[in-house]
Amino acid sequence: MAEEHRTKQVIRAAARQQFAEHGYNAVSMREIAQAVGKQPGGIYNHFPNKQSILVDLMQENLVRAYEAVISPIKDTASPVQRLEMFVRGHVQYHIENPDDIFIAYMELRSLEAEGAAHIMAERDKYESALRNILRDGLSADQFKLSDPAIHARSILSMLGGVTVWFRQSGPQSSTHVAECYVQAALQSVAATYVAQNERQSDV
C-alpha cells in the first residue's frame, strides 16, 4: 500500500506540472506516463482516466487548503480575528501552491458533470466558512455589509488574484502581501485593521 501511495503521488505531481504548464486538454495520459517513466498501462492501474486525475488533484488541493486555512481558525475568536486568519491563511496558501491554484480556477471548465458537482460541493464547504465569519460579524455589529454570500465571493475574487502577479523573487515578501490583503478585506466590511507591529507595541 505504501508503494501504491508513493506511485500515485508521483503521478499527481507529474500531472499537476503538465496541466499547469500546458493545460488539461493539451496533455495526454501517455505524456503523463512518460513524465513518470512508465508505460500508459502503469498509469491506468492507479487512475482510470485523465478526468479522474484532474478531479483527484482538485480534491486534494481543497483538502489541503481547508487544513491550512480553515482548521486553524478558532471558533472562540472574534469575527474580526477570524476574518484576519482566513485572509492571511488563504493568501499564503495561494502563494505557496500556484500550480494547484491555477488548475483549481482554470480547469473547472474541463470537469465533466459528476466531477464538477463533487468539486463544487467541496468548494462550497470552504466558501461557507468565510460566509459564516461574515454573518457572525454582521450579527455582532462588527461588520457592515449587505449580503454575506455575495461579499464572501467578492473577497475570494480579490484574494484569488494574488497568484497572477506575485513572484517570490519580487520586492514584497509574502507576509507583507498577506497583511495588505488582510487590511483590504477588513476595510471592505468597515472593520479597523491594526498592523502587527502596532499590536506588539501596545503589549
N, C-alpha and C. Protein backbone atom coordinates (compact mmCIF):
# COMPACT_ATOMS: atom_id res chain seq x y z
N MET A 1 0.81 -1.21 0.00
CA MET A 1 0.00 0.00 0.00
C MET A 1 0.85 1.27 0.00
N ALA A 2 1.96 1.23 0.74
CA ALA A 2 2.83 2.40 0.79
C ALA A 2 3.41 2.69 -0.57
N GLU A 3 3.81 1.64 -1.29
CA GLU A 3 4.36 1.83 -2.63
C GLU A 3 3.31 2.38 -3.58
N GLU A 4 2.09 1.88 -3.46
CA GLU A 4 0.99 2.38 -4.31
C GLU A 4 0.74 3.86 -4.04
N HIS A 5 0.78 4.23 -2.76
CA HIS A 5 0.57 5.64 -2.38
C HIS A 5 1.67 6.51 -2.98
N ARG A 6 2.92 6.07 -2.88
CA ARG A 6 4.03 6.84 -3.43
C ARG A 6 3.89 7.00 -4.93
N THR A 7 3.48 5.91 -5.62
CA THR A 7 3.33 5.98 -7.07
C THR A 7 2.23 6.97 -7.45
N LYS A 8 1.13 6.94 -6.72
CA LYS A 8 0.04 7.87 -7.01
C LYS A 8 0.49 9.32 -6.79
N GLN A 9 1.31 9.54 -5.78
CA GLN A 9 1.80 10.88 -5.52
C GLN A 9 2.71 11.36 -6.64
N VAL A 10 3.53 10.45 -7.18
CA VAL A 10 4.40 10.79 -8.30
C VAL A 10 3.57 11.14 -9.54
N ILE A 11 2.53 10.36 -9.78
CA ILE A 11 1.64 10.62 -10.91
C ILE A 11 0.94 11.96 -10.74
N ARG A 12 0.44 12.22 -9.53
CA ARG A 12 -0.21 13.51 -9.25
C ARG A 12 0.73 14.67 -9.53
N ALA A 13 1.96 14.54 -9.05
CA ALA A 13 2.93 15.63 -9.22
C ALA A 13 3.22 15.89 -10.69
N ALA A 14 3.36 14.82 -11.46
CA ALA A 14 3.63 14.97 -12.89
C ALA A 14 2.44 15.59 -13.61
N ALA A 15 1.24 15.11 -13.29
CA ALA A 15 0.03 15.65 -13.91
C ALA A 15 -0.17 17.11 -13.53
N ARG A 16 0.09 17.43 -12.28
CA ARG A 16 -0.05 18.81 -11.81
C ARG A 16 0.84 19.74 -12.65
N GLN A 17 2.07 19.35 -12.81
CA GLN A 17 3.01 20.17 -13.57
C GLN A 17 2.58 20.29 -15.03
N GLN A 18 2.16 19.18 -15.63
CA GLN A 18 1.75 19.17 -17.03
C GLN A 18 0.49 20.02 -17.24
N PHE A 19 -0.49 19.85 -16.37
CA PHE A 19 -1.74 20.61 -16.51
C PHE A 19 -1.49 22.10 -16.33
N ALA A 20 -0.66 22.46 -15.34
CA ALA A 20 -0.39 23.87 -15.08
C ALA A 20 0.40 24.51 -16.21
N GLU A 21 1.30 23.74 -16.82
CA GLU A 21 2.16 24.29 -17.87
C GLU A 21 1.48 24.32 -19.24
N HIS A 22 0.74 23.25 -19.55
CA HIS A 22 0.19 23.12 -20.91
C HIS A 22 -1.33 23.20 -20.98
N GLY A 23 -2.00 23.03 -19.85
CA GLY A 23 -3.46 22.98 -19.85
C GLY A 23 -3.94 21.55 -19.94
N TYR A 24 -5.04 21.28 -19.27
CA TYR A 24 -5.58 19.91 -19.19
C TYR A 24 -5.82 19.30 -20.56
N ASN A 25 -6.47 20.02 -21.45
CA ASN A 25 -6.85 19.45 -22.75
C ASN A 25 -5.66 19.16 -23.65
N ALA A 26 -4.54 19.80 -23.39
CA ALA A 26 -3.36 19.60 -24.24
C ALA A 26 -2.47 18.45 -23.76
N VAL A 27 -2.82 17.84 -22.63
CA VAL A 27 -1.99 16.79 -22.03
C VAL A 27 -2.68 15.44 -22.19
N SER A 28 -1.93 14.43 -22.59
CA SER A 28 -2.48 13.09 -22.73
C SER A 28 -2.00 12.19 -21.60
N MET A 29 -2.67 11.08 -21.42
CA MET A 29 -2.23 10.10 -20.42
C MET A 29 -0.85 9.56 -20.78
N ARG A 30 -0.59 9.43 -22.06
CA ARG A 30 0.73 8.96 -22.50
C ARG A 30 1.82 9.92 -22.06
N GLU A 31 1.56 11.22 -22.16
CA GLU A 31 2.56 12.21 -21.76
C GLU A 31 2.77 12.20 -20.25
N ILE A 32 1.71 11.99 -19.50
CA ILE A 32 1.87 11.88 -18.05
C ILE A 32 2.69 10.65 -17.71
N ALA A 33 2.41 9.55 -18.41
CA ALA A 33 3.16 8.31 -18.19
C ALA A 33 4.64 8.51 -18.51
N GLN A 34 4.92 9.19 -19.59
CA GLN A 34 6.32 9.46 -19.96
C GLN A 34 7.02 10.31 -18.91
N ALA A 35 6.29 11.25 -18.34
CA ALA A 35 6.88 12.14 -17.33
C ALA A 35 7.29 11.39 -16.07
N VAL A 36 6.63 10.27 -15.79
CA VAL A 36 6.98 9.49 -14.59
C VAL A 36 7.74 8.22 -14.95
N GLY A 37 8.10 8.08 -16.22
CA GLY A 37 8.89 6.93 -16.64
C GLY A 37 8.13 5.62 -16.65
N LYS A 38 6.84 5.68 -17.00
CA LYS A 38 6.03 4.47 -17.03
C LYS A 38 5.36 4.31 -18.38
N GLN A 39 4.91 3.10 -18.66
CA GLN A 39 4.05 2.87 -19.80
C GLN A 39 2.65 3.36 -19.43
N PRO A 40 1.84 3.75 -20.43
CA PRO A 40 0.49 4.23 -20.11
C PRO A 40 -0.30 3.28 -19.23
N GLY A 41 -0.12 1.96 -19.44
CA GLY A 41 -0.84 1.00 -18.63
C GLY A 41 -0.53 1.13 -17.15
N GLY A 42 0.68 1.60 -16.83
CA GLY A 42 1.06 1.78 -15.44
C GLY A 42 0.29 2.91 -14.78
N ILE A 43 -0.14 3.88 -15.57
CA ILE A 43 -0.95 4.97 -15.05
C ILE A 43 -2.38 4.50 -14.80
N TYR A 44 -2.90 3.71 -15.74
CA TYR A 44 -4.28 3.25 -15.62
C TYR A 44 -4.48 2.31 -14.44
N ASN A 45 -3.40 1.75 -13.92
CA ASN A 45 -3.50 0.91 -12.72
C ASN A 45 -3.89 1.74 -11.50
N HIS A 46 -3.64 3.06 -11.59
CA HIS A 46 -3.90 3.94 -10.44
C HIS A 46 -5.04 4.93 -10.69
N PHE A 47 -5.22 5.32 -11.94
CA PHE A 47 -6.29 6.25 -12.31
C PHE A 47 -6.96 5.73 -13.58
N PRO A 48 -8.30 5.59 -13.58
CA PRO A 48 -8.98 5.01 -14.74
C PRO A 48 -8.90 5.88 -15.99
N ASN A 49 -8.74 7.20 -15.82
CA ASN A 49 -8.67 8.09 -16.97
C ASN A 49 -8.09 9.44 -16.54
N LYS A 50 -7.88 10.32 -17.50
CA LYS A 50 -7.29 11.63 -17.21
C LYS A 50 -8.23 12.48 -16.35
N GLN A 51 -9.53 12.35 -16.59
CA GLN A 51 -10.51 13.11 -15.82
C GLN A 51 -10.41 12.79 -14.33
N SER A 52 -10.19 11.53 -14.01
CA SER A 52 -10.09 11.14 -12.60
C SER A 52 -8.86 11.76 -11.95
N ILE A 53 -7.80 11.96 -12.72
CA ILE A 53 -6.60 12.61 -12.17
C ILE A 53 -6.92 14.07 -11.86
N LEU A 54 -7.62 14.74 -12.76
CA LEU A 54 -7.97 16.14 -12.54
C LEU A 54 -8.84 16.29 -11.30
N VAL A 55 -9.86 15.46 -11.19
CA VAL A 55 -10.74 15.52 -10.02
C VAL A 55 -9.94 15.24 -8.75
N ASP A 56 -9.05 14.27 -8.80
CA ASP A 56 -8.24 13.92 -7.65
C ASP A 56 -7.34 15.08 -7.23
N LEU A 57 -6.74 15.76 -8.20
CA LEU A 57 -5.88 16.91 -7.90
C LEU A 57 -6.68 18.04 -7.25
N MET A 58 -7.86 18.30 -7.79
CA MET A 58 -8.68 19.36 -7.23
C MET A 58 -9.17 19.02 -5.83
N GLN A 59 -9.54 17.77 -5.65
CA GLN A 59 -9.98 17.32 -4.33
C GLN A 59 -8.85 17.42 -3.32
N GLU A 60 -7.68 16.95 -3.70
CA GLU A 60 -6.52 17.01 -2.81
C GLU A 60 -6.19 18.45 -2.44
N ASN A 61 -6.27 19.34 -3.41
CA ASN A 61 -5.99 20.75 -3.16
C ASN A 61 -6.98 21.34 -2.16
N LEU A 62 -8.25 21.00 -2.32
CA LEU A 62 -9.27 21.52 -1.41
C LEU A 62 -9.07 21.01 0.01
N VAL A 63 -8.69 19.75 0.14
CA VAL A 63 -8.43 19.18 1.47
C VAL A 63 -7.26 19.91 2.13
N ARG A 64 -6.19 20.10 1.38
CA ARG A 64 -5.02 20.77 1.94
C ARG A 64 -5.31 22.23 2.26
N ALA A 65 -6.09 22.88 1.40
CA ALA A 65 -6.46 24.28 1.65
C ALA A 65 -7.29 24.39 2.92
N TYR A 66 -8.23 23.49 3.09
CA TYR A 66 -9.08 23.52 4.27
C TYR A 66 -8.24 23.32 5.54
N GLU A 67 -7.33 22.38 5.49
CA GLU A 67 -6.48 22.12 6.65
C GLU A 67 -5.56 23.29 6.95
N ALA A 68 -5.08 23.97 5.91
CA ALA A 68 -4.15 25.07 6.10
C ALA A 68 -4.84 26.37 6.50
N VAL A 69 -6.04 26.59 5.98
CA VAL A 69 -6.71 27.88 6.16
C VAL A 69 -7.82 27.83 7.20
N ILE A 70 -8.72 26.88 7.09
CA ILE A 70 -9.92 26.85 7.93
C ILE A 70 -9.68 26.20 9.29
N SER A 71 -9.01 25.06 9.30
CA SER A 71 -8.85 24.30 10.54
C SER A 71 -8.18 25.09 11.67
N PRO A 72 -7.18 25.95 11.38
CA PRO A 72 -6.53 26.67 12.49
C PRO A 72 -7.39 27.78 13.10
N ILE A 73 -8.48 28.16 12.44
CA ILE A 73 -9.30 29.27 12.95
C ILE A 73 -10.13 28.80 14.15
N LYS A 74 -9.99 29.47 15.26
CA LYS A 74 -10.69 29.09 16.49
C LYS A 74 -12.07 29.73 16.53
N ASP A 75 -13.07 28.92 16.86
CA ASP A 75 -14.44 29.42 16.95
C ASP A 75 -14.60 30.47 18.04
N THR A 76 -13.71 30.43 19.01
CA THR A 76 -13.81 31.37 20.13
C THR A 76 -13.26 32.76 19.78
N ALA A 77 -12.57 32.86 18.67
CA ALA A 77 -12.02 34.15 18.26
C ALA A 77 -13.15 35.06 17.76
N SER A 78 -12.91 36.36 17.81
CA SER A 78 -13.90 37.31 17.32
C SER A 78 -14.02 37.22 15.80
N PRO A 79 -15.13 37.69 15.22
CA PRO A 79 -15.26 37.69 13.77
C PRO A 79 -14.12 38.43 13.07
N VAL A 80 -13.66 39.53 13.66
CA VAL A 80 -12.55 40.28 13.07
C VAL A 80 -11.30 39.41 13.04
N GLN A 81 -10.99 38.76 14.15
CA GLN A 81 -9.82 37.89 14.21
C GLN A 81 -9.93 36.72 13.25
N ARG A 82 -11.13 36.15 13.15
CA ARG A 82 -11.35 35.02 12.25
C ARG A 82 -11.19 35.42 10.80
N LEU A 83 -11.69 36.61 10.46
CA LEU A 83 -11.53 37.10 9.08
C LEU A 83 -10.06 37.34 8.77
N GLU A 84 -9.34 37.92 9.71
CA GLU A 84 -7.90 38.13 9.53
C GLU A 84 -7.19 36.80 9.27
N MET A 85 -7.50 35.80 10.09
CA MET A 85 -6.85 34.50 9.96
C MET A 85 -7.20 33.83 8.63
N PHE A 86 -8.47 33.96 8.23
CA PHE A 86 -8.88 33.37 6.96
C PHE A 86 -8.10 34.00 5.81
N VAL A 87 -8.10 35.32 5.75
CA VAL A 87 -7.44 36.02 4.63
C VAL A 87 -5.95 35.74 4.63
N ARG A 88 -5.32 35.82 5.79
CA ARG A 88 -3.88 35.58 5.88
C ARG A 88 -3.54 34.16 5.42
N GLY A 89 -4.29 33.18 5.90
CA GLY A 89 -4.03 31.80 5.53
C GLY A 89 -4.32 31.54 4.07
N HIS A 90 -5.40 32.12 3.56
CA HIS A 90 -5.79 31.92 2.16
C HIS A 90 -4.72 32.47 1.21
N VAL A 91 -4.25 33.68 1.48
CA VAL A 91 -3.24 34.29 0.63
C VAL A 91 -1.94 33.50 0.68
N GLN A 92 -1.51 33.13 1.86
CA GLN A 92 -0.27 32.37 1.99
C GLN A 92 -0.39 31.02 1.28
N TYR A 93 -1.52 30.36 1.41
CA TYR A 93 -1.70 29.07 0.74
C TYR A 93 -1.64 29.24 -0.77
N HIS A 94 -2.27 30.27 -1.29
CA HIS A 94 -2.25 30.52 -2.73
C HIS A 94 -0.82 30.77 -3.22
N ILE A 95 -0.10 31.58 -2.47
CA ILE A 95 1.28 31.91 -2.87
C ILE A 95 2.16 30.66 -2.87
N GLU A 96 1.95 29.79 -1.90
CA GLU A 96 2.79 28.60 -1.77
C GLU A 96 2.40 27.47 -2.73
N ASN A 97 1.22 27.54 -3.35
CA ASN A 97 0.73 26.46 -4.21
C ASN A 97 0.18 26.99 -5.53
N PRO A 98 1.01 27.72 -6.30
CA PRO A 98 0.50 28.38 -7.51
C PRO A 98 -0.04 27.42 -8.57
N ASP A 99 0.59 26.26 -8.75
CA ASP A 99 0.12 25.32 -9.76
C ASP A 99 -1.26 24.76 -9.41
N ASP A 100 -1.43 24.39 -8.14
CA ASP A 100 -2.73 23.88 -7.69
C ASP A 100 -3.82 24.93 -7.86
N ILE A 101 -3.49 26.17 -7.55
CA ILE A 101 -4.49 27.24 -7.64
C ILE A 101 -4.83 27.53 -9.10
N PHE A 102 -3.82 27.51 -9.96
CA PHE A 102 -4.08 27.73 -11.39
C PHE A 102 -5.03 26.66 -11.92
N ILE A 103 -4.76 25.41 -11.59
CA ILE A 103 -5.62 24.31 -12.04
C ILE A 103 -7.02 24.45 -11.44
N ALA A 104 -7.10 24.80 -10.16
CA ALA A 104 -8.39 24.91 -9.48
C ALA A 104 -9.30 25.93 -10.14
N TYR A 105 -8.72 27.03 -10.62
CA TYR A 105 -9.53 28.06 -11.26
C TYR A 105 -9.72 27.83 -12.75
N MET A 106 -8.63 27.53 -13.44
CA MET A 106 -8.68 27.49 -14.90
C MET A 106 -9.29 26.21 -15.46
N GLU A 107 -9.20 25.12 -14.71
CA GLU A 107 -9.68 23.85 -15.26
C GLU A 107 -11.04 23.41 -14.73
N LEU A 108 -11.74 24.29 -14.04
CA LEU A 108 -13.13 23.98 -13.68
C LEU A 108 -13.94 23.68 -14.93
N ARG A 109 -13.63 24.39 -16.01
CA ARG A 109 -14.34 24.20 -17.28
C ARG A 109 -14.10 22.83 -17.88
N SER A 110 -13.02 22.16 -17.46
CA SER A 110 -12.67 20.86 -18.02
C SER A 110 -13.31 19.70 -17.26
N LEU A 111 -13.98 20.00 -16.15
CA LEU A 111 -14.60 18.94 -15.37
C LEU A 111 -15.87 18.45 -16.05
N GLU A 112 -16.04 17.14 -16.04
CA GLU A 112 -17.30 16.56 -16.51
C GLU A 112 -18.33 16.67 -15.41
N ALA A 113 -19.60 16.38 -15.74
CA ALA A 113 -20.72 16.68 -14.84
C ALA A 113 -20.54 16.13 -13.43
N GLU A 114 -20.23 14.85 -13.31
CA GLU A 114 -20.12 14.24 -11.99
C GLU A 114 -18.99 14.85 -11.18
N GLY A 115 -17.83 15.00 -11.81
CA GLY A 115 -16.69 15.59 -11.12
C GLY A 115 -16.94 17.04 -10.75
N ALA A 116 -17.60 17.77 -11.64
CA ALA A 116 -17.90 19.18 -11.38
C ALA A 116 -18.82 19.32 -10.17
N ALA A 117 -19.84 18.47 -10.09
CA ALA A 117 -20.77 18.53 -8.96
C ALA A 117 -20.05 18.27 -7.65
N HIS A 118 -19.16 17.28 -7.66
CA HIS A 118 -18.42 16.94 -6.44
C HIS A 118 -17.49 18.07 -6.02
N ILE A 119 -16.72 18.60 -6.97
CA ILE A 119 -15.76 19.65 -6.64
C ILE A 119 -16.46 20.92 -6.21
N MET A 120 -17.55 21.28 -6.87
CA MET A 120 -18.26 22.50 -6.49
C MET A 120 -18.86 22.38 -5.09
N ALA A 121 -19.30 21.17 -4.73
CA ALA A 121 -19.82 20.96 -3.38
C ALA A 121 -18.70 21.13 -2.35
N GLU A 122 -17.51 20.63 -2.67
CA GLU A 122 -16.37 20.77 -1.76
C GLU A 122 -15.92 22.22 -1.67
N ARG A 123 -15.93 22.91 -2.79
CA ARG A 123 -15.57 24.33 -2.79
C ARG A 123 -16.55 25.14 -1.94
N ASP A 124 -17.82 24.75 -1.98
CA ASP A 124 -18.83 25.47 -1.21
C ASP A 124 -18.59 25.32 0.29
N LYS A 125 -18.09 24.14 0.71
CA LYS A 125 -17.77 23.95 2.13
C LYS A 125 -16.70 24.94 2.57
N TYR A 126 -15.72 25.15 1.71
CA TYR A 126 -14.64 26.09 2.01
C TYR A 126 -15.19 27.51 2.06
N GLU A 127 -15.98 27.87 1.05
CA GLU A 127 -16.54 29.21 0.98
C GLU A 127 -17.50 29.47 2.13
N SER A 128 -18.21 28.43 2.57
CA SER A 128 -19.18 28.61 3.66
C SER A 128 -18.50 29.05 4.95
N ALA A 129 -17.24 28.66 5.14
CA ALA A 129 -16.51 29.10 6.33
C ALA A 129 -16.38 30.61 6.34
N LEU A 130 -16.09 31.18 5.18
CA LEU A 130 -15.99 32.64 5.09
C LEU A 130 -17.36 33.29 5.24
N ARG A 131 -18.38 32.70 4.64
CA ARG A 131 -19.74 33.24 4.78
C ARG A 131 -20.15 33.28 6.26
N ASN A 132 -19.81 32.24 6.99
CA ASN A 132 -20.17 32.18 8.41
C ASN A 132 -19.46 33.28 9.21
N ILE A 133 -18.20 33.52 8.87
CA ILE A 133 -17.46 34.59 9.55
C ILE A 133 -18.14 35.93 9.29
N LEU A 134 -18.52 36.17 8.05
CA LEU A 134 -19.15 37.44 7.71
C LEU A 134 -20.52 37.57 8.37
N ARG A 135 -21.28 36.50 8.41
CA ARG A 135 -22.59 36.54 9.08
C ARG A 135 -22.42 36.84 10.57
N ASP A 136 -21.43 36.18 11.20
CA ASP A 136 -21.21 36.41 12.63
C ASP A 136 -20.80 37.85 12.89
N GLY A 137 -19.94 38.38 12.02
CA GLY A 137 -19.52 39.77 12.18
C GLY A 137 -20.66 40.74 12.00
N LEU A 138 -21.56 40.42 11.08
CA LEU A 138 -22.74 41.25 10.85
C LEU A 138 -23.67 41.20 12.05
N SER A 139 -23.89 40.00 12.58
CA SER A 139 -24.78 39.83 13.74
C SER A 139 -24.23 40.52 14.98
N ALA A 140 -22.89 40.52 15.09
CA ALA A 140 -22.26 41.14 16.25
C ALA A 140 -22.05 42.64 16.08
N ASP A 141 -22.52 43.15 14.95
CA ASP A 141 -22.37 44.57 14.62
C ASP A 141 -20.90 44.99 14.53
N GLN A 142 -20.04 44.03 14.13
CA GLN A 142 -18.63 44.33 13.91
C GLN A 142 -18.31 44.58 12.44
N PHE A 143 -19.20 44.13 11.55
CA PHE A 143 -19.03 44.32 10.11
C PHE A 143 -20.21 45.09 9.55
N LYS A 144 -19.95 45.79 8.46
CA LYS A 144 -21.02 46.43 7.70
C LYS A 144 -20.95 45.89 6.27
N LEU A 145 -22.01 45.18 5.87
CA LEU A 145 -22.12 44.63 4.52
C LEU A 145 -23.57 44.27 4.27
N SER A 146 -23.93 44.14 3.03
CA SER A 146 -25.34 43.92 2.71
C SER A 146 -25.71 42.46 2.52
N ASP A 147 -24.79 41.65 1.99
CA ASP A 147 -25.11 40.26 1.70
C ASP A 147 -23.87 39.40 1.94
N PRO A 148 -23.83 38.59 3.01
CA PRO A 148 -22.63 37.79 3.31
C PRO A 148 -22.20 36.86 2.18
N ALA A 149 -23.16 36.27 1.47
CA ALA A 149 -22.81 35.34 0.41
C ALA A 149 -22.10 36.05 -0.75
N ILE A 150 -22.67 37.19 -1.16
CA ILE A 150 -22.06 37.96 -2.24
C ILE A 150 -20.74 38.56 -1.79
N HIS A 151 -20.69 39.03 -0.56
CA HIS A 151 -19.45 39.65 -0.07
C HIS A 151 -18.34 38.60 0.06
N ALA A 152 -18.71 37.39 0.44
CA ALA A 152 -17.71 36.32 0.53
C ALA A 152 -17.09 36.08 -0.84
N ARG A 153 -17.92 36.06 -1.87
CA ARG A 153 -17.40 35.83 -3.22
C ARG A 153 -16.53 37.00 -3.69
N SER A 154 -16.90 38.20 -3.30
CA SER A 154 -16.08 39.35 -3.70
C SER A 154 -14.71 39.31 -3.03
N ILE A 155 -14.68 38.91 -1.76
CA ILE A 155 -13.39 38.78 -1.07
C ILE A 155 -12.55 37.68 -1.71
N LEU A 156 -13.17 36.54 -1.98
CA LEU A 156 -12.42 35.43 -2.60
C LEU A 156 -11.90 35.82 -3.97
N SER A 157 -12.67 36.59 -4.73
CA SER A 157 -12.21 37.05 -6.05
C SER A 157 -11.00 37.95 -5.90
N MET A 158 -11.04 38.83 -4.91
CA MET A 158 -9.91 39.72 -4.66
C MET A 158 -8.67 38.93 -4.27
N LEU A 159 -8.83 37.98 -3.36
CA LEU A 159 -7.70 37.21 -2.86
C LEU A 159 -7.12 36.31 -3.93
N GLY A 160 -7.99 35.75 -4.79
CA GLY A 160 -7.53 34.80 -5.79
C GLY A 160 -6.57 35.38 -6.79
N GLY A 161 -6.59 36.70 -6.96
CA GLY A 161 -5.71 37.32 -7.95
C GLY A 161 -4.25 37.36 -7.56
N VAL A 162 -3.93 37.02 -6.32
CA VAL A 162 -2.54 37.17 -5.87
C VAL A 162 -1.57 36.30 -6.67
N THR A 163 -2.01 35.11 -7.10
CA THR A 163 -1.10 34.23 -7.84
C THR A 163 -0.82 34.74 -9.24
N VAL A 164 -1.63 35.66 -9.73
CA VAL A 164 -1.42 36.20 -11.08
C VAL A 164 -0.18 37.08 -11.13
N TRP A 165 0.04 37.84 -10.07
CA TRP A 165 1.11 38.83 -10.13
C TRP A 165 2.26 38.58 -9.15
N PHE A 166 2.01 37.86 -8.06
CA PHE A 166 3.05 37.70 -7.04
C PHE A 166 4.17 36.79 -7.54
N ARG A 167 5.40 37.20 -7.28
CA ARG A 167 6.58 36.40 -7.58
C ARG A 167 7.47 36.35 -6.34
N GLN A 168 7.95 35.15 -6.02
CA GLN A 168 8.80 35.00 -4.83
C GLN A 168 10.04 35.88 -4.92
N SER A 169 10.50 36.16 -6.14
CA SER A 169 11.70 36.98 -6.33
C SER A 169 11.39 38.47 -6.35
N GLY A 170 10.13 38.84 -6.16
CA GLY A 170 9.73 40.24 -6.21
C GLY A 170 10.14 41.02 -4.98
N PRO A 171 9.85 42.31 -4.96
CA PRO A 171 10.29 43.18 -3.85
C PRO A 171 9.51 42.99 -2.57
N GLN A 172 8.27 42.47 -2.66
CA GLN A 172 7.45 42.32 -1.45
C GLN A 172 7.50 40.89 -0.94
N SER A 173 7.57 40.73 0.36
CA SER A 173 7.52 39.40 0.96
C SER A 173 6.08 38.90 0.97
N SER A 174 5.92 37.59 1.04
CA SER A 174 4.57 37.02 1.09
C SER A 174 3.83 37.48 2.35
N THR A 175 4.56 37.66 3.43
CA THR A 175 3.95 38.13 4.68
C THR A 175 3.39 39.53 4.52
N HIS A 176 4.17 40.39 3.89
CA HIS A 176 3.72 41.78 3.66
C HIS A 176 2.50 41.79 2.76
N VAL A 177 2.53 41.00 1.70
CA VAL A 177 1.41 40.93 0.76
C VAL A 177 0.15 40.45 1.48
N ALA A 178 0.29 39.40 2.28
CA ALA A 178 -0.86 38.86 3.02
C ALA A 178 -1.46 39.93 3.93
N GLU A 179 -0.62 40.71 4.61
CA GLU A 179 -1.12 41.75 5.51
C GLU A 179 -1.86 42.85 4.73
N CYS A 180 -1.38 43.15 3.53
CA CYS A 180 -2.08 44.14 2.70
C CYS A 180 -3.48 43.65 2.34
N TYR A 181 -3.59 42.35 2.04
CA TYR A 181 -4.90 41.78 1.73
C TYR A 181 -5.79 41.73 2.97
N VAL A 182 -5.21 41.45 4.12
CA VAL A 182 -5.97 41.46 5.37
C VAL A 182 -6.58 42.85 5.58
N GLN A 183 -5.75 43.88 5.39
CA GLN A 183 -6.23 45.25 5.57
C GLN A 183 -7.36 45.56 4.58
N ALA A 184 -7.20 45.15 3.33
CA ALA A 184 -8.23 45.41 2.32
C ALA A 184 -9.54 44.70 2.65
N ALA A 185 -9.43 43.46 3.13
CA ALA A 185 -10.64 42.69 3.47
C ALA A 185 -11.37 43.32 4.65
N LEU A 186 -10.62 43.74 5.67
CA LEU A 186 -11.25 44.38 6.83
C LEU A 186 -11.90 45.71 6.43
N GLN A 187 -11.23 46.47 5.59
CA GLN A 187 -11.80 47.74 5.14
C GLN A 187 -13.08 47.51 4.36
N SER A 188 -13.16 46.38 3.64
CA SER A 188 -14.35 46.10 2.83
C SER A 188 -15.59 45.84 3.69
N VAL A 189 -15.38 45.51 4.96
CA VAL A 189 -16.52 45.29 5.88
C VAL A 189 -16.57 46.37 6.95
N ALA A 190 -15.84 47.45 6.72
CA ALA A 190 -15.82 48.59 7.64
C ALA A 190 -15.29 48.23 9.02
N ALA A 191 -14.32 47.31 9.05
CA ALA A 191 -13.65 46.95 10.31
C ALA A 191 -12.27 47.58 10.33
N THR A 192 -11.77 47.86 11.51
CA THR A 192 -10.48 48.53 11.66
C THR A 192 -9.34 47.53 11.61
N TYR A 193 -8.33 47.83 10.81
CA TYR A 193 -7.13 47.00 10.74
C TYR A 193 -6.06 47.60 11.63
N VAL A 194 -5.46 46.76 12.45
CA VAL A 194 -4.34 47.19 13.28
C VAL A 194 -3.11 46.42 12.83
N ALA A 195 -2.07 47.14 12.41
CA ALA A 195 -0.85 46.50 11.94
C ALA A 195 -0.21 45.68 13.05
N GLN A 196 0.48 44.60 12.64
CA GLN A 196 1.06 43.70 13.63
C GLN A 196 2.08 44.41 14.51
N ASN A 197 2.88 45.30 13.94
CA ASN A 197 3.89 45.99 14.74
C ASN A 197 3.24 46.92 15.77
N GLU A 198 2.06 47.46 15.44
CA GLU A 198 1.34 48.32 16.37
C GLU A 198 0.76 47.50 17.51
N ARG A 199 0.31 46.28 17.20
CA ARG A 199 -0.22 45.41 18.26
C ARG A 199 0.87 45.06 19.25
N GLN A 200 2.06 44.75 18.70
CA GLN A 200 3.18 44.37 19.56
C GLN A 200 3.62 45.53 20.45
N SER A 201 3.54 46.75 19.89
CA SER A 201 3.97 47.90 20.67
C SER A 201 3.01 48.24 21.79
N ASP A 202 1.76 47.77 21.65
CA ASP A 202 0.76 48.03 22.68
C ASP A 202 0.83 47.04 23.84
N VAL A 203 1.59 45.94 23.64
CA VAL A 203 1.65 44.90 24.67
C VAL A 203 2.55 45.34 25.82
